[in-house]
Amino acid sequence: MRPILTVLLAALLAAACGPSGSEGGASGGDDASAEETRELAPDFTLNDLSGTPVRLEELRGKVVVLDFWATWCPPCEFQIPILNQVYEAHQEVGDVEILGISVDTEGPEVVQEYIAKHEAAYPILMGSESLARTFGAPGFPSLIVVDPSGRIADVHVGLIEALELEEVIATVKGEDAPSEASAPLNQPG
């Protein structure tokens, strides 16, 4: 019964931090005109938790998943293991980058403590709610998927499952979406 309660709690908490569901999307496949109509992602340079600057434009050529989140957002905690799974599945190939962007105002020390406790494997950057809004994130967590050419391909508000995120990534890359049976996330490792 505990797993059911956890899922219900996560759904209720997601509503507290913002609306849930996909807000936009990769408009299917490899149509060049669809890519041209996508909005160019605003460039940014943000510091990671050690103070090293990371610039979005320098990640061109990769699919970039931006996770806007906050330590005060309970559903954001549930998103971390899912993003860890996807991040680790793409590390060997190096075709996908996941960046957690904290909108916390208390500073990197508070965020570092939270991340250490919740064991995020992907890079964490210090951002702001205003940057999140620039990307179209009305609540948290919000995932923005940027295609290899630097255009916004998908905006998802609320929790997302690993397979759903892998499907979005595959679509952005012009590949067949993984099925539950073939997804690298579901194979023992």
N, C-alpha and C. Protein backbone atom coordinates (compact mmCIF):
# COMPACT_ATOMS: atom_id res chain seq x y z
N MET A 1 0.82 -1.19 0.00
CA MET A 1 0.00 0.00 0.00
C MET A 1 0.87 1.25 0.00
N ARG A 2 2.05 1.18 0.55
CA ARG A 2 2.94 2.34 0.62
C ARG A 2 3.27 2.94 -0.74
N PRO A 3 3.58 2.13 -1.79
CA PRO A 3 3.88 2.72 -3.10
C PRO A 3 2.70 3.52 -3.66
N ILE A 4 1.48 3.03 -3.43
CA ILE A 4 0.31 3.75 -3.93
C ILE A 4 0.21 5.11 -3.23
N LEU A 5 0.42 5.12 -1.93
CA LEU A 5 0.37 6.38 -1.20
C LEU A 5 1.45 7.34 -1.67
N THR A 6 2.63 6.82 -1.97
CA THR A 6 3.73 7.66 -2.47
C THR A 6 3.35 8.31 -3.79
N VAL A 7 2.75 7.52 -4.70
CA VAL A 7 2.35 8.06 -6.00
C VAL A 7 1.26 9.11 -5.82
N LEU A 8 0.28 8.81 -4.97
CA LEU A 8 -0.79 9.79 -4.73
C LEU A 8 -0.24 11.06 -4.11
N LEU A 9 0.67 10.93 -3.16
CA LEU A 9 1.28 12.09 -2.53
C LEU A 9 2.05 12.91 -3.55
N ALA A 10 2.79 12.24 -4.42
CA ALA A 10 3.55 12.95 -5.46
C ALA A 10 2.62 13.72 -6.38
N ALA A 11 1.49 13.12 -6.75
CA ALA A 11 0.55 13.81 -7.63
C ALA A 11 -0.05 15.03 -6.94
N LEU A 12 -0.40 14.89 -5.67
CA LEU A 12 -0.95 16.03 -4.93
C LEU A 12 0.07 17.13 -4.76
N LEU A 13 1.30 16.75 -4.47
CA LEU A 13 2.34 17.75 -4.29
C LEU A 13 2.70 18.44 -5.60
N ALA A 14 2.60 17.72 -6.71
CA ALA A 14 2.88 18.34 -8.01
C ALA A 14 1.89 19.46 -8.28
N ALA A 15 0.66 19.26 -7.88
CA ALA A 15 -0.35 20.30 -8.06
C ALA A 15 -0.01 21.53 -7.23
N ALA A 16 0.66 21.33 -6.10
CA ALA A 16 1.01 22.45 -5.23
C ALA A 16 2.10 23.33 -5.83
N CYS A 17 2.98 22.77 -6.65
CA CYS A 17 4.09 23.53 -7.22
C CYS A 17 3.79 24.02 -8.62
N GLY A 18 2.72 23.62 -9.21
CA GLY A 18 2.38 24.09 -10.54
C GLY A 18 1.57 23.06 -11.28
N PRO A 19 1.05 23.41 -12.44
CA PRO A 19 0.23 22.49 -13.22
C PRO A 19 1.04 21.33 -13.74
N SER A 20 0.38 20.25 -14.08
CA SER A 20 1.06 19.06 -14.58
C SER A 20 0.68 18.80 -16.02
N GLY A 21 1.61 18.24 -16.76
CA GLY A 21 1.32 17.85 -18.14
C GLY A 21 2.25 18.51 -19.11
N SER A 22 2.17 18.05 -20.33
CA SER A 22 3.02 18.60 -21.38
C SER A 22 2.44 19.91 -21.87
N GLU A 23 3.31 20.87 -22.06
CA GLU A 23 2.89 22.20 -22.47
C GLU A 23 3.23 22.51 -23.91
N GLY A 24 3.87 21.65 -24.55
CA GLY A 24 4.27 21.94 -25.91
C GLY A 24 4.88 20.69 -26.43
N GLY A 25 5.56 20.77 -27.52
CA GLY A 25 6.18 19.54 -27.87
C GLY A 25 6.92 19.53 -29.16
N ALA A 26 7.67 18.50 -29.25
CA ALA A 26 8.34 18.21 -30.50
C ALA A 26 7.23 17.78 -31.43
N SER A 27 7.06 18.48 -32.50
CA SER A 27 5.91 18.25 -33.35
C SER A 27 6.14 17.09 -34.30
N GLY A 28 6.61 16.01 -33.77
CA GLY A 28 6.65 14.78 -34.49
C GLY A 28 7.74 14.64 -35.54
N GLY A 29 8.72 13.89 -35.22
CA GLY A 29 9.66 13.43 -36.21
C GLY A 29 10.66 14.44 -36.69
N ASP A 30 11.09 14.21 -37.94
CA ASP A 30 12.23 14.92 -38.46
C ASP A 30 11.85 15.97 -39.51
N ASP A 31 10.67 16.55 -39.42
CA ASP A 31 10.24 17.56 -40.37
C ASP A 31 11.05 18.83 -40.17
N ALA A 32 11.83 19.21 -41.18
CA ALA A 32 12.72 20.38 -41.07
C ALA A 32 11.93 21.65 -40.83
N SER A 33 10.74 21.78 -41.40
CA SER A 33 9.96 23.00 -41.19
C SER A 33 9.49 23.11 -39.75
N ALA A 34 9.20 21.98 -39.10
CA ALA A 34 8.82 22.02 -37.69
C ALA A 34 9.98 22.53 -36.85
N GLU A 35 11.21 22.09 -37.17
CA GLU A 35 12.38 22.55 -36.43
C GLU A 35 12.57 24.05 -36.60
N GLU A 36 12.35 24.53 -37.82
CA GLU A 36 12.54 25.96 -38.08
C GLU A 36 11.54 26.82 -37.33
N THR A 37 10.36 26.29 -37.01
CA THR A 37 9.36 27.08 -36.30
C THR A 37 9.55 27.05 -34.80
N ARG A 38 10.40 26.16 -34.32
CA ARG A 38 10.68 26.12 -32.88
C ARG A 38 11.44 27.37 -32.47
N GLU A 39 11.13 27.82 -31.27
CA GLU A 39 11.78 29.02 -30.73
C GLU A 39 13.21 28.69 -30.29
N LEU A 40 14.14 29.58 -30.63
CA LEU A 40 15.51 29.42 -30.19
C LEU A 40 15.55 29.58 -28.67
N ALA A 41 16.20 28.65 -28.00
CA ALA A 41 16.30 28.72 -26.54
C ALA A 41 17.15 29.92 -26.14
N PRO A 42 16.71 30.70 -25.16
CA PRO A 42 17.55 31.81 -24.71
C PRO A 42 18.88 31.28 -24.18
N ASP A 43 19.96 31.88 -24.59
CA ASP A 43 21.27 31.46 -24.09
C ASP A 43 21.43 31.95 -22.65
N PHE A 44 22.18 31.23 -21.88
CA PHE A 44 22.50 31.66 -20.52
C PHE A 44 23.86 31.13 -20.14
N THR A 45 24.45 31.77 -19.17
CA THR A 45 25.64 31.26 -18.50
C THR A 45 25.31 31.25 -17.02
N LEU A 46 25.31 30.08 -16.42
CA LEU A 46 25.01 29.91 -15.00
C LEU A 46 26.15 29.15 -14.35
N ASN A 47 26.37 29.42 -13.08
CA ASN A 47 27.39 28.70 -12.33
C ASN A 47 26.83 27.40 -11.79
N ASP A 48 27.68 26.36 -11.82
CA ASP A 48 27.31 25.13 -11.14
C ASP A 48 27.59 25.31 -9.65
N LEU A 49 27.39 24.28 -8.88
CA LEU A 49 27.52 24.42 -7.42
C LEU A 49 28.94 24.66 -6.96
N SER A 50 29.93 24.41 -7.83
CA SER A 50 31.31 24.70 -7.45
C SER A 50 31.76 26.06 -7.99
N GLY A 51 30.84 26.77 -8.67
CA GLY A 51 31.17 28.10 -9.19
C GLY A 51 31.67 28.11 -10.62
N THR A 52 31.71 26.96 -11.27
CA THR A 52 32.15 26.88 -12.66
C THR A 52 31.01 27.30 -13.59
N PRO A 53 31.28 28.24 -14.51
CA PRO A 53 30.21 28.68 -15.41
C PRO A 53 29.90 27.63 -16.48
N VAL A 54 28.61 27.50 -16.78
CA VAL A 54 28.13 26.60 -17.83
C VAL A 54 27.27 27.44 -18.76
N ARG A 55 27.59 27.39 -20.07
CA ARG A 55 26.85 28.17 -21.05
C ARG A 55 26.03 27.22 -21.93
N LEU A 56 24.75 27.51 -22.05
CA LEU A 56 23.87 26.65 -22.84
C LEU A 56 24.34 26.54 -24.28
N GLU A 57 24.74 27.62 -24.88
CA GLU A 57 25.15 27.61 -26.29
C GLU A 57 26.31 26.64 -26.55
N GLU A 58 27.15 26.42 -25.56
CA GLU A 58 28.30 25.52 -25.72
C GLU A 58 27.88 24.04 -25.78
N LEU A 59 26.61 23.77 -25.53
CA LEU A 59 26.12 22.39 -25.56
C LEU A 59 25.41 22.05 -26.88
N ARG A 60 25.51 22.98 -27.85
CA ARG A 60 24.90 22.72 -29.17
C ARG A 60 25.45 21.41 -29.71
N GLY A 61 24.59 20.69 -30.43
CA GLY A 61 24.96 19.38 -30.95
C GLY A 61 24.44 18.26 -30.08
N LYS A 62 24.01 18.57 -28.87
CA LYS A 62 23.43 17.59 -27.96
C LYS A 62 21.97 17.96 -27.70
N VAL A 63 21.19 16.97 -27.31
CA VAL A 63 19.87 17.25 -26.75
C VAL A 63 20.13 17.66 -25.30
N VAL A 64 19.56 18.79 -24.89
CA VAL A 64 19.77 19.29 -23.52
C VAL A 64 18.42 19.32 -22.81
N VAL A 65 18.37 18.66 -21.66
CA VAL A 65 17.17 18.66 -20.83
C VAL A 65 17.45 19.60 -19.65
N LEU A 66 16.66 20.66 -19.57
CA LEU A 66 16.78 21.62 -18.47
C LEU A 66 15.68 21.32 -17.48
N ASP A 67 16.05 21.03 -16.24
CA ASP A 67 15.08 20.75 -15.19
C ASP A 67 15.05 21.93 -14.23
N PHE A 68 14.02 22.77 -14.33
CA PHE A 68 13.86 23.88 -13.39
C PHE A 68 13.17 23.33 -12.14
N TRP A 69 13.78 23.53 -10.98
CA TRP A 69 13.29 22.93 -9.75
C TRP A 69 13.67 23.81 -8.56
N ALA A 70 13.20 23.41 -7.37
CA ALA A 70 13.51 24.14 -6.14
C ALA A 70 13.53 23.19 -4.95
N THR A 71 14.32 23.51 -3.95
CA THR A 71 14.38 22.68 -2.74
C THR A 71 13.07 22.72 -1.98
N TRP A 72 12.29 23.77 -2.14
CA TRP A 72 11.01 23.91 -1.43
C TRP A 72 9.85 23.26 -2.18
N CYS A 73 10.12 22.61 -3.30
CA CYS A 73 9.10 21.97 -4.13
C CYS A 73 9.14 20.46 -3.90
N PRO A 74 8.22 19.90 -3.11
CA PRO A 74 8.27 18.45 -2.83
C PRO A 74 8.27 17.55 -4.05
N PRO A 75 7.48 17.81 -5.12
CA PRO A 75 7.55 16.91 -6.28
C PRO A 75 8.91 16.90 -6.96
N CYS A 76 9.65 17.99 -6.82
CA CYS A 76 10.97 18.04 -7.46
C CYS A 76 11.88 16.94 -6.93
N GLU A 77 11.70 16.57 -5.68
CA GLU A 77 12.48 15.49 -5.08
C GLU A 77 12.22 14.16 -5.79
N PHE A 78 10.96 13.92 -6.19
CA PHE A 78 10.60 12.68 -6.86
C PHE A 78 11.18 12.62 -8.27
N GLN A 79 11.51 13.78 -8.86
CA GLN A 79 12.03 13.84 -10.22
C GLN A 79 13.50 13.43 -10.29
N ILE A 80 14.24 13.60 -9.20
CA ILE A 80 15.69 13.36 -9.20
C ILE A 80 16.06 11.94 -9.61
N PRO A 81 15.48 10.89 -9.02
CA PRO A 81 15.89 9.54 -9.44
C PRO A 81 15.57 9.24 -10.91
N ILE A 82 14.49 9.82 -11.41
CA ILE A 82 14.13 9.61 -12.81
C ILE A 82 15.16 10.27 -13.72
N LEU A 83 15.54 11.51 -13.39
CA LEU A 83 16.55 12.20 -14.19
C LEU A 83 17.91 11.51 -14.06
N ASN A 84 18.22 10.98 -12.88
CA ASN A 84 19.46 10.21 -12.72
C ASN A 84 19.49 9.04 -13.69
N GLN A 85 18.36 8.34 -13.80
CA GLN A 85 18.25 7.17 -14.69
C GLN A 85 18.54 7.57 -16.13
N VAL A 86 17.88 8.61 -16.60
CA VAL A 86 18.05 9.05 -17.99
C VAL A 86 19.47 9.57 -18.21
N TYR A 87 19.98 10.34 -17.26
CA TYR A 87 21.34 10.88 -17.36
C TYR A 87 22.36 9.75 -17.50
N GLU A 88 22.25 8.75 -16.63
CA GLU A 88 23.20 7.64 -16.65
C GLU A 88 23.08 6.81 -17.93
N ALA A 89 21.85 6.69 -18.47
CA ALA A 89 21.64 5.92 -19.69
C ALA A 89 22.32 6.56 -20.90
N HIS A 90 22.58 7.86 -20.84
CA HIS A 90 23.16 8.57 -21.99
C HIS A 90 24.62 8.97 -21.78
N GLN A 91 25.20 8.65 -20.67
CA GLN A 91 26.56 9.09 -20.38
C GLN A 91 27.60 8.49 -21.32
N GLU A 92 27.45 7.23 -21.65
CA GLU A 92 28.46 6.58 -22.50
C GLU A 92 28.48 7.19 -23.90
N VAL A 93 27.31 7.45 -24.47
CA VAL A 93 27.22 8.02 -25.82
C VAL A 93 27.50 9.52 -25.78
N GLY A 94 27.04 10.19 -24.75
CA GLY A 94 27.29 11.62 -24.61
C GLY A 94 26.44 12.50 -25.51
N ASP A 95 25.28 11.99 -25.95
CA ASP A 95 24.42 12.74 -26.87
C ASP A 95 23.35 13.57 -26.17
N VAL A 96 23.21 13.38 -24.87
CA VAL A 96 22.19 14.08 -24.09
C VAL A 96 22.84 14.65 -22.84
N GLU A 97 22.50 15.89 -22.52
CA GLU A 97 22.96 16.52 -21.28
C GLU A 97 21.74 16.89 -20.46
N ILE A 98 21.78 16.59 -19.19
CA ILE A 98 20.72 17.01 -18.27
C ILE A 98 21.33 18.00 -17.31
N LEU A 99 20.66 19.14 -17.17
CA LEU A 99 21.09 20.19 -16.25
C LEU A 99 19.95 20.51 -15.30
N GLY A 100 20.16 20.32 -14.03
CA GLY A 100 19.19 20.76 -13.04
C GLY A 100 19.44 22.23 -12.77
N ILE A 101 18.41 23.05 -12.87
CA ILE A 101 18.57 24.49 -12.64
C ILE A 101 17.72 24.87 -11.43
N SER A 102 18.40 25.11 -10.32
CA SER A 102 17.72 25.48 -9.08
C SER A 102 17.28 26.94 -9.15
N VAL A 103 16.04 27.18 -8.71
CA VAL A 103 15.53 28.55 -8.67
C VAL A 103 15.57 29.09 -7.24
N ASP A 104 16.26 28.37 -6.37
CA ASP A 104 16.37 28.79 -4.96
C ASP A 104 17.15 30.09 -4.84
N THR A 105 16.78 30.90 -3.86
CA THR A 105 17.46 32.18 -3.63
C THR A 105 18.38 32.14 -2.42
N GLU A 106 18.40 31.02 -1.70
CA GLU A 106 19.22 30.93 -0.48
C GLU A 106 20.69 30.70 -0.74
N GLY A 107 21.06 30.43 -1.97
CA GLY A 107 22.46 30.27 -2.30
C GLY A 107 22.86 28.83 -2.54
N PRO A 108 24.04 28.64 -3.12
CA PRO A 108 24.49 27.30 -3.51
C PRO A 108 24.73 26.36 -2.32
N GLU A 109 25.03 26.90 -1.16
CA GLU A 109 25.28 26.02 0.00
C GLU A 109 24.03 25.22 0.34
N VAL A 110 22.86 25.88 0.35
CA VAL A 110 21.60 25.21 0.66
C VAL A 110 21.28 24.17 -0.42
N VAL A 111 21.50 24.54 -1.67
CA VAL A 111 21.22 23.63 -2.77
C VAL A 111 22.19 22.45 -2.73
N GLN A 112 23.46 22.70 -2.45
CA GLN A 112 24.46 21.63 -2.36
C GLN A 112 24.08 20.62 -1.29
N GLU A 113 23.63 21.09 -0.15
CA GLU A 113 23.21 20.19 0.94
C GLU A 113 22.03 19.32 0.49
N TYR A 114 21.07 19.93 -0.17
CA TYR A 114 19.89 19.22 -0.66
C TYR A 114 20.30 18.16 -1.68
N ILE A 115 21.15 18.54 -2.63
CA ILE A 115 21.59 17.63 -3.69
C ILE A 115 22.40 16.47 -3.12
N ALA A 116 23.23 16.75 -2.14
CA ALA A 116 23.99 15.67 -1.50
C ALA A 116 23.05 14.67 -0.85
N LYS A 117 22.03 15.17 -0.20
CA LYS A 117 21.05 14.31 0.47
C LYS A 117 20.26 13.47 -0.53
N HIS A 118 19.90 14.07 -1.67
CA HIS A 118 19.04 13.40 -2.64
C HIS A 118 19.80 12.78 -3.80
N GLU A 119 21.13 12.91 -3.81
CA GLU A 119 22.03 12.21 -4.71
C GLU A 119 21.76 12.43 -6.20
N ALA A 120 21.63 13.67 -6.60
CA ALA A 120 21.50 13.96 -8.03
C ALA A 120 22.84 13.70 -8.71
N ALA A 121 22.81 12.94 -9.81
CA ALA A 121 24.04 12.56 -10.52
C ALA A 121 24.40 13.56 -11.62
N TYR A 122 23.46 14.35 -12.05
CA TYR A 122 23.65 15.29 -13.16
C TYR A 122 24.05 16.66 -12.61
N PRO A 123 24.63 17.51 -13.46
CA PRO A 123 25.07 18.83 -13.00
C PRO A 123 23.90 19.71 -12.53
N ILE A 124 24.16 20.46 -11.47
CA ILE A 124 23.17 21.38 -10.92
C ILE A 124 23.71 22.80 -11.07
N LEU A 125 22.87 23.68 -11.63
CA LEU A 125 23.24 25.07 -11.83
C LEU A 125 22.36 25.96 -10.96
N MET A 126 22.86 27.14 -10.64
CA MET A 126 22.08 28.11 -9.87
C MET A 126 21.42 29.07 -10.85
N GLY A 127 20.08 29.05 -10.89
CA GLY A 127 19.32 29.91 -11.78
C GLY A 127 18.37 30.81 -11.00
N SER A 128 17.23 31.10 -11.60
CA SER A 128 16.24 31.97 -10.96
C SER A 128 14.86 31.66 -11.53
N GLU A 129 13.83 32.08 -10.78
CA GLU A 129 12.47 31.91 -11.27
C GLU A 129 12.26 32.73 -12.54
N SER A 130 12.90 33.87 -12.64
CA SER A 130 12.74 34.71 -13.82
C SER A 130 13.31 34.00 -15.05
N LEU A 131 14.42 33.29 -14.93
CA LEU A 131 14.96 32.52 -16.04
C LEU A 131 14.00 31.39 -16.41
N ALA A 132 13.44 30.74 -15.40
CA ALA A 132 12.48 29.66 -15.65
C ALA A 132 11.30 30.19 -16.46
N ARG A 133 10.78 31.35 -16.09
CA ARG A 133 9.66 31.95 -16.83
C ARG A 133 10.07 32.29 -18.26
N THR A 134 11.31 32.73 -18.46
CA THR A 134 11.80 33.02 -19.80
C THR A 134 11.71 31.78 -20.69
N PHE A 135 11.90 30.62 -20.10
CA PHE A 135 11.81 29.36 -20.85
C PHE A 135 10.39 28.81 -20.91
N GLY A 136 9.43 29.51 -20.30
CA GLY A 136 8.04 29.07 -20.34
C GLY A 136 7.65 28.12 -19.23
N ALA A 137 8.40 28.12 -18.14
CA ALA A 137 8.12 27.23 -17.01
C ALA A 137 7.20 27.94 -16.01
N PRO A 138 5.91 27.57 -15.97
CA PRO A 138 4.99 28.22 -15.04
C PRO A 138 4.98 27.63 -13.64
N GLY A 139 5.55 26.46 -13.45
CA GLY A 139 5.57 25.79 -12.16
C GLY A 139 6.78 24.88 -12.10
N PHE A 140 6.92 24.17 -10.98
CA PHE A 140 8.09 23.31 -10.78
C PHE A 140 7.65 21.94 -10.31
N PRO A 141 8.33 20.90 -10.76
CA PRO A 141 9.41 20.92 -11.74
C PRO A 141 8.89 21.18 -13.14
N SER A 142 9.72 21.78 -13.96
CA SER A 142 9.45 21.98 -15.39
C SER A 142 10.68 21.53 -16.16
N LEU A 143 10.44 20.71 -17.16
CA LEU A 143 11.52 20.23 -18.02
C LEU A 143 11.41 20.91 -19.38
N ILE A 144 12.50 21.47 -19.83
CA ILE A 144 12.57 22.08 -21.14
C ILE A 144 13.58 21.24 -21.93
N VAL A 145 13.17 20.72 -23.07
CA VAL A 145 14.06 19.93 -23.91
C VAL A 145 14.49 20.81 -25.08
N VAL A 146 15.80 20.99 -25.20
CA VAL A 146 16.39 21.81 -26.24
C VAL A 146 17.03 20.87 -27.26
N ASP A 147 16.69 21.07 -28.53
CA ASP A 147 17.23 20.18 -29.56
C ASP A 147 18.69 20.52 -29.88
N PRO A 148 19.38 19.68 -30.64
CA PRO A 148 20.80 19.92 -30.92
C PRO A 148 21.10 21.25 -31.62
N SER A 149 20.11 21.83 -32.28
CA SER A 149 20.33 23.12 -32.94
C SER A 149 20.06 24.31 -32.01
N GLY A 150 19.70 24.01 -30.75
CA GLY A 150 19.49 25.08 -29.77
C GLY A 150 18.07 25.60 -29.70
N ARG A 151 17.11 24.85 -30.25
CA ARG A 151 15.72 25.29 -30.23
C ARG A 151 14.92 24.50 -29.19
N ILE A 152 13.92 25.16 -28.61
CA ILE A 152 13.06 24.50 -27.63
C ILE A 152 12.16 23.52 -28.35
N ALA A 153 12.30 22.24 -28.01
CA ALA A 153 11.54 21.18 -28.66
C ALA A 153 10.36 20.71 -27.81
N ASP A 154 10.44 20.86 -26.50
CA ASP A 154 9.37 20.38 -25.63
C ASP A 154 9.43 21.08 -24.29
N VAL A 155 8.26 21.34 -23.73
CA VAL A 155 8.14 21.89 -22.38
C VAL A 155 7.18 20.97 -21.63
N HIS A 156 7.62 20.45 -20.51
CA HIS A 156 6.79 19.56 -19.69
C HIS A 156 6.75 20.10 -18.27
N VAL A 157 5.56 20.35 -17.78
CA VAL A 157 5.40 20.86 -16.42
C VAL A 157 4.89 19.73 -15.54
N GLY A 158 5.54 19.52 -14.42
CA GLY A 158 5.16 18.45 -13.50
C GLY A 158 6.10 17.27 -13.63
N LEU A 159 5.78 16.21 -12.91
CA LEU A 159 6.62 15.02 -12.93
C LEU A 159 6.54 14.33 -14.28
N ILE A 160 7.63 13.69 -14.66
CA ILE A 160 7.68 12.93 -15.91
C ILE A 160 8.32 11.58 -15.61
N GLU A 161 7.85 10.55 -16.27
CA GLU A 161 8.43 9.22 -16.13
C GLU A 161 9.63 9.09 -17.06
N ALA A 162 10.55 8.21 -16.73
CA ALA A 162 11.76 8.03 -17.52
C ALA A 162 11.44 7.64 -18.96
N LEU A 163 10.50 6.70 -19.16
CA LEU A 163 10.17 6.27 -20.51
C LEU A 163 9.59 7.42 -21.33
N GLU A 164 8.75 8.24 -20.72
CA GLU A 164 8.17 9.39 -21.42
C GLU A 164 9.26 10.38 -21.83
N LEU A 165 10.22 10.64 -20.94
CA LEU A 165 11.32 11.53 -21.28
C LEU A 165 12.19 10.92 -22.38
N GLU A 166 12.43 9.63 -22.32
CA GLU A 166 13.21 8.96 -23.37
C GLU A 166 12.48 9.05 -24.72
N GLU A 167 11.16 8.99 -24.70
CA GLU A 167 10.39 9.12 -25.94
C GLU A 167 10.57 10.52 -26.53
N VAL A 168 10.52 11.54 -25.68
CA VAL A 168 10.72 12.92 -26.14
C VAL A 168 12.12 13.07 -26.72
N ILE A 169 13.12 12.55 -26.02
CA ILE A 169 14.52 12.64 -26.48
C ILE A 169 14.67 11.95 -27.83
N ALA A 170 14.09 10.75 -27.97
CA ALA A 170 14.18 10.02 -29.24
C ALA A 170 13.52 10.80 -30.37
N THR A 171 12.38 11.40 -30.10
CA THR A 171 11.68 12.19 -31.12
C THR A 171 12.54 13.38 -31.55
N VAL A 172 13.12 14.06 -30.58
CA VAL A 172 13.97 15.22 -30.88
C VAL A 172 15.18 14.79 -31.71
N LYS A 173 15.72 13.62 -31.43
CA LYS A 173 16.88 13.11 -32.17
C LYS A 173 16.48 12.50 -33.51
N GLY A 174 15.17 12.38 -33.78
CA GLY A 174 14.71 11.78 -35.02
C GLY A 174 14.80 10.27 -35.02
N GLU A 175 14.76 9.67 -33.86
CA GLU A 175 14.86 8.22 -33.72
C GLU A 175 13.51 7.65 -33.35
N ASP A 176 13.38 6.33 -33.47
CA ASP A 176 12.17 5.67 -33.00
C ASP A 176 12.13 5.75 -31.49
N ALA A 177 10.95 6.00 -30.96
CA ALA A 177 10.78 6.06 -29.51
C ALA A 177 10.98 4.67 -28.92
N PRO A 178 11.64 4.60 -27.78
CA PRO A 178 11.86 3.30 -27.14
C PRO A 178 10.55 2.75 -26.58
N SER A 179 10.43 1.44 -26.58
CA SER A 179 9.29 0.81 -25.92
C SER A 179 9.75 0.41 -24.53
N GLU A 180 8.80 0.03 -23.70
CA GLU A 180 9.19 -0.39 -22.34
C GLU A 180 10.16 -1.55 -22.38
N ALA A 181 9.96 -2.46 -23.33
CA ALA A 181 10.81 -3.65 -23.40
C ALA A 181 12.21 -3.32 -23.91
N SER A 182 12.33 -2.30 -24.79
CA SER A 182 13.64 -2.03 -25.38
C SER A 182 14.38 -0.85 -24.77
N ALA A 183 13.74 -0.12 -23.88
CA ALA A 183 14.37 1.06 -23.31
C ALA A 183 15.58 0.63 -22.47
N PRO A 184 16.72 1.31 -22.66
CA PRO A 184 17.91 0.94 -21.90
C PRO A 184 17.71 1.13 -20.40
N LEU A 185 16.72 1.93 -20.03
CA LEU A 185 16.48 2.19 -18.61
C LEU A 185 15.94 0.98 -17.89
N ASN A 186 15.29 0.08 -18.64
CA ASN A 186 14.64 -1.04 -18.00
C ASN A 186 15.47 -2.31 -18.01
N GLN A 187 16.68 -2.23 -18.54
CA GLN A 187 17.54 -3.40 -18.56
C GLN A 187 18.41 -3.38 -17.32
N PRO A 188 18.61 -4.54 -16.74
CA PRO A 188 19.45 -4.58 -15.54
C PRO A 188 20.86 -4.09 -15.86
N GLY A 189 21.44 -3.40 -14.91
CA GLY A 189 22.78 -2.87 -15.17
C GLY A 189 23.65 -3.08 -14.10
